Amino acid sequence: MTRRPQLPRPDEILAAIVEIADDGFCRRGDLAQRFPRLGERDLRRALRRAVARGFVLERRGPDGSFHFAVSSEGWNLRRGG
């Protein structure tokens, strides 16, 4: 029986977004390159979890692709507050 990879924690997701886009938006495809061990489904689950907790903002681009940015709550979490 193969074990599914553990989903990245919200702080790992935030760190990847900051590394890619700082305080801007990055594409989901760019995030997928930061987590090569995850499949598409697991990455979507990890991002959904971060969005649901209010740490990440999700927007749909004009081309239909998903973009993510760190919210103010996410910045507070990164700063340790």
C-alpha atoms as a PDB file:
ATOM      1  CA  MET A   1       0.000   0.000   0.000  1.00  0.00           C
ATOM      2  CA  THR A   2       1.495   3.334  -1.018  1.00  0.00           C
ATOM      3  CA  ARG A   3       1.212   6.278   1.293  1.00  0.00           C
ATOM      4  CA  ARG A   4       0.016   9.635   0.033  1.00  0.00           C
ATOM      5  CA  PRO A   5       2.486  12.455   0.490  1.00  0.00           C
ATOM      6  CA  GLN A   6       1.777  14.714   3.425  1.00  0.00           C
ATOM      7  CA  LEU A   7       0.162  17.987   2.416  1.00  0.00           C
ATOM      8  CA  PRO A   8       2.281  21.098   2.940  1.00  0.00           C
ATOM      9  CA  ARG A   9       1.421  23.176   5.987  1.00  0.00           C
ATOM     10  CA  PRO A  10      -0.084  26.647   5.434  1.00  0.00           C
ATOM     11  CA  ASP A  11       3.216  28.283   6.395  1.00  0.00           C
ATOM     12  CA  GLU A  12       4.975  26.268   3.664  1.00  0.00           C
ATOM     13  CA  ILE A  13       2.377  27.402   1.133  1.00  0.00           C
ATOM     14  CA  LEU A  14       2.840  31.014   2.269  1.00  0.00           C
ATOM     15  CA  ALA A  15       6.627  30.753   2.011  1.00  0.00           C
ATOM     16  CA  ALA A  16       6.345  29.450  -1.569  1.00  0.00           C
ATOM     17  CA  ILE A  17       3.978  32.260  -2.604  1.00  0.00           C
ATOM     18  CA  VAL A  18       6.253  34.898  -1.046  1.00  0.00           C
ATOM     19  CA  GLU A  19       9.289  33.384  -2.761  1.00  0.00           C
ATOM     20  CA  ILE A  20       7.555  33.469  -6.146  1.00  0.00           C
ATOM     21  CA  ALA A  21       5.549  36.703  -6.019  1.00  0.00           C
ATOM     22  CA  ASP A  22       6.349  38.504  -2.732  1.00  0.00           C
ATOM     23  CA  ASP A  23       3.179  40.546  -2.106  1.00  0.00           C
ATOM     24  CA  GLY A  24       1.645  39.854  -5.532  1.00  0.00           C
ATOM     25  CA  PHE A  25      -0.233  36.974  -7.106  1.00  0.00           C
ATOM     26  CA  CYS A  26       1.342  33.818  -8.484  1.00  0.00           C
ATOM     27  CA  ARG A  27      -0.116  31.123 -10.702  1.00  0.00           C
ATOM     28  CA  ARG A  28      -1.001  27.690  -9.395  1.00  0.00           C
ATOM     29  CA  GLY A  29       1.349  26.181 -11.970  1.00  0.00           C
ATOM     30  CA  ASP A  30       4.274  28.086 -10.446  1.00  0.00           C
ATOM     31  CA  LEU A  31       3.363  26.698  -7.035  1.00  0.00           C
ATOM     32  CA  ALA A  32       3.191  23.175  -8.460  1.00  0.00           C
ATOM     33  CA  GLN A  33       6.873  23.483  -9.405  1.00  0.00           C
ATOM     34  CA  ARG A  34       7.713  24.285  -5.752  1.00  0.00           C
ATOM     35  CA  PHE A  35       6.016  21.087  -4.567  1.00  0.00           C
ATOM     36  CA  PRO A  36       7.054  18.442  -7.114  1.00  0.00           C
ATOM     37  CA  ARG A  37       6.229  15.529  -4.778  1.00  0.00           C
ATOM     38  CA  LEU A  38       2.545  16.503  -4.788  1.00  0.00           C
ATOM     39  CA  GLY A  39       0.061  15.593  -7.421  1.00  0.00           C
ATOM     40  CA  GLU A  40      -2.346  18.188  -8.794  1.00  0.00           C
ATOM     41  CA  ARG A  41      -5.158  17.012  -6.525  1.00  0.00           C
ATOM     42  CA  ASP A  42      -3.060  17.220  -3.351  1.00  0.00           C
ATOM     43  CA  LEU A  43      -1.803  20.683  -4.282  1.00  0.00           C
ATOM     44  CA  ARG A  44      -5.382  21.864  -4.809  1.00  0.00           C
ATOM     45  CA  ARG A  45      -6.337  20.419  -1.403  1.00  0.00           C
ATOM     46  CA  ALA A  46      -3.425  22.187   0.317  1.00  0.00           C
ATOM     47  CA  LEU A  47      -4.274  25.495  -1.346  1.00  0.00           C
ATOM     48  CA  ARG A  48      -7.982  25.099  -0.541  1.00  0.00           C
ATOM     49  CA  ARG A  49      -7.073  24.529   3.108  1.00  0.00           C
ATOM     50  CA  ALA A  50      -4.935  27.697   3.210  1.00  0.00           C
ATOM     51  CA  VAL A  51      -7.702  29.692   1.489  1.00  0.00           C
ATOM     52  CA  ALA A  52     -10.356  28.346   3.875  1.00  0.00           C
ATOM     53  CA  ARG A  53      -8.257  29.377   6.884  1.00  0.00           C
ATOM     54  CA  GLY A  54      -7.963  32.891   5.447  1.00  0.00           C
ATOM     55  CA  PHE A  55      -4.186  32.829   4.922  1.00  0.00           C
ATOM     56  CA  VAL A  56      -4.299  32.919   1.118  1.00  0.00           C
ATOM     57  CA  LEU A  57      -6.370  34.845  -1.427  1.00  0.00           C
ATOM     58  CA  GLU A  58      -7.511  33.066  -4.569  1.00  0.00           C
ATOM     59  CA  ARG A  59      -8.453  34.809  -7.803  1.00  0.00           C
ATOM     60  CA  ARG A  60      -9.229  33.614 -11.284  1.00  0.00           C
ATOM     61  CA  GLY A  61      -7.301  35.284 -14.079  1.00  0.00           C
ATOM     62  CA  PRO A  62      -8.832  36.440 -17.356  1.00  0.00           C
ATOM     63  CA  ASP A  63      -7.423  33.314 -18.996  1.00  0.00           C
ATOM     64  CA  GLY A  64      -9.208  31.095 -16.458  1.00  0.00           C
ATOM     65  CA  SER A  65      -6.097  30.164 -14.494  1.00  0.00           C
ATOM     66  CA  PHE A  66      -5.985  30.349 -10.702  1.00  0.00           C
ATOM     67  CA  HIS A  67      -3.766  32.871  -8.939  1.00  0.00           C
ATOM     68  CA  PHE A  68      -2.861  33.023  -5.252  1.00  0.00           C
ATOM     69  CA  ALA A  69      -1.523  35.721  -2.925  1.00  0.00           C
ATOM     70  CA  VAL A  70      -0.839  36.005   0.791  1.00  0.00           C
ATOM     71  CA  SER A  71      -3.654  37.693   2.742  1.00  0.00           C
ATOM     72  CA  SER A  72      -3.129  40.034   5.690  1.00  0.00           C
ATOM     73  CA  GLU A  73      -3.820  37.088   8.032  1.00  0.00           C
ATOM     74  CA  GLY A  74      -1.202  35.101   6.137  1.00  0.00           C
ATOM     75  CA  TRP A  75       1.365  37.890   6.577  1.00  0.00           C
ATOM     76  CA  ASN A  76       0.590  37.917  10.308  1.00  0.00           C
ATOM     77  CA  LEU A  77       1.194  34.166  10.453  1.00  0.00           C
ATOM     78  CA  ARG A  78       4.516  34.578   8.581  1.00  0.00           C
ATOM     79  CA  ARG A  79       5.620  37.270  11.001  1.00  0.00           C
ATOM     80  CA  GLY A  80       4.792  34.976  13.897  1.00  0.00           C
ATOM     81  CA  GLY A  81       1.975  37.102  15.279  1.00  0.00           C
END
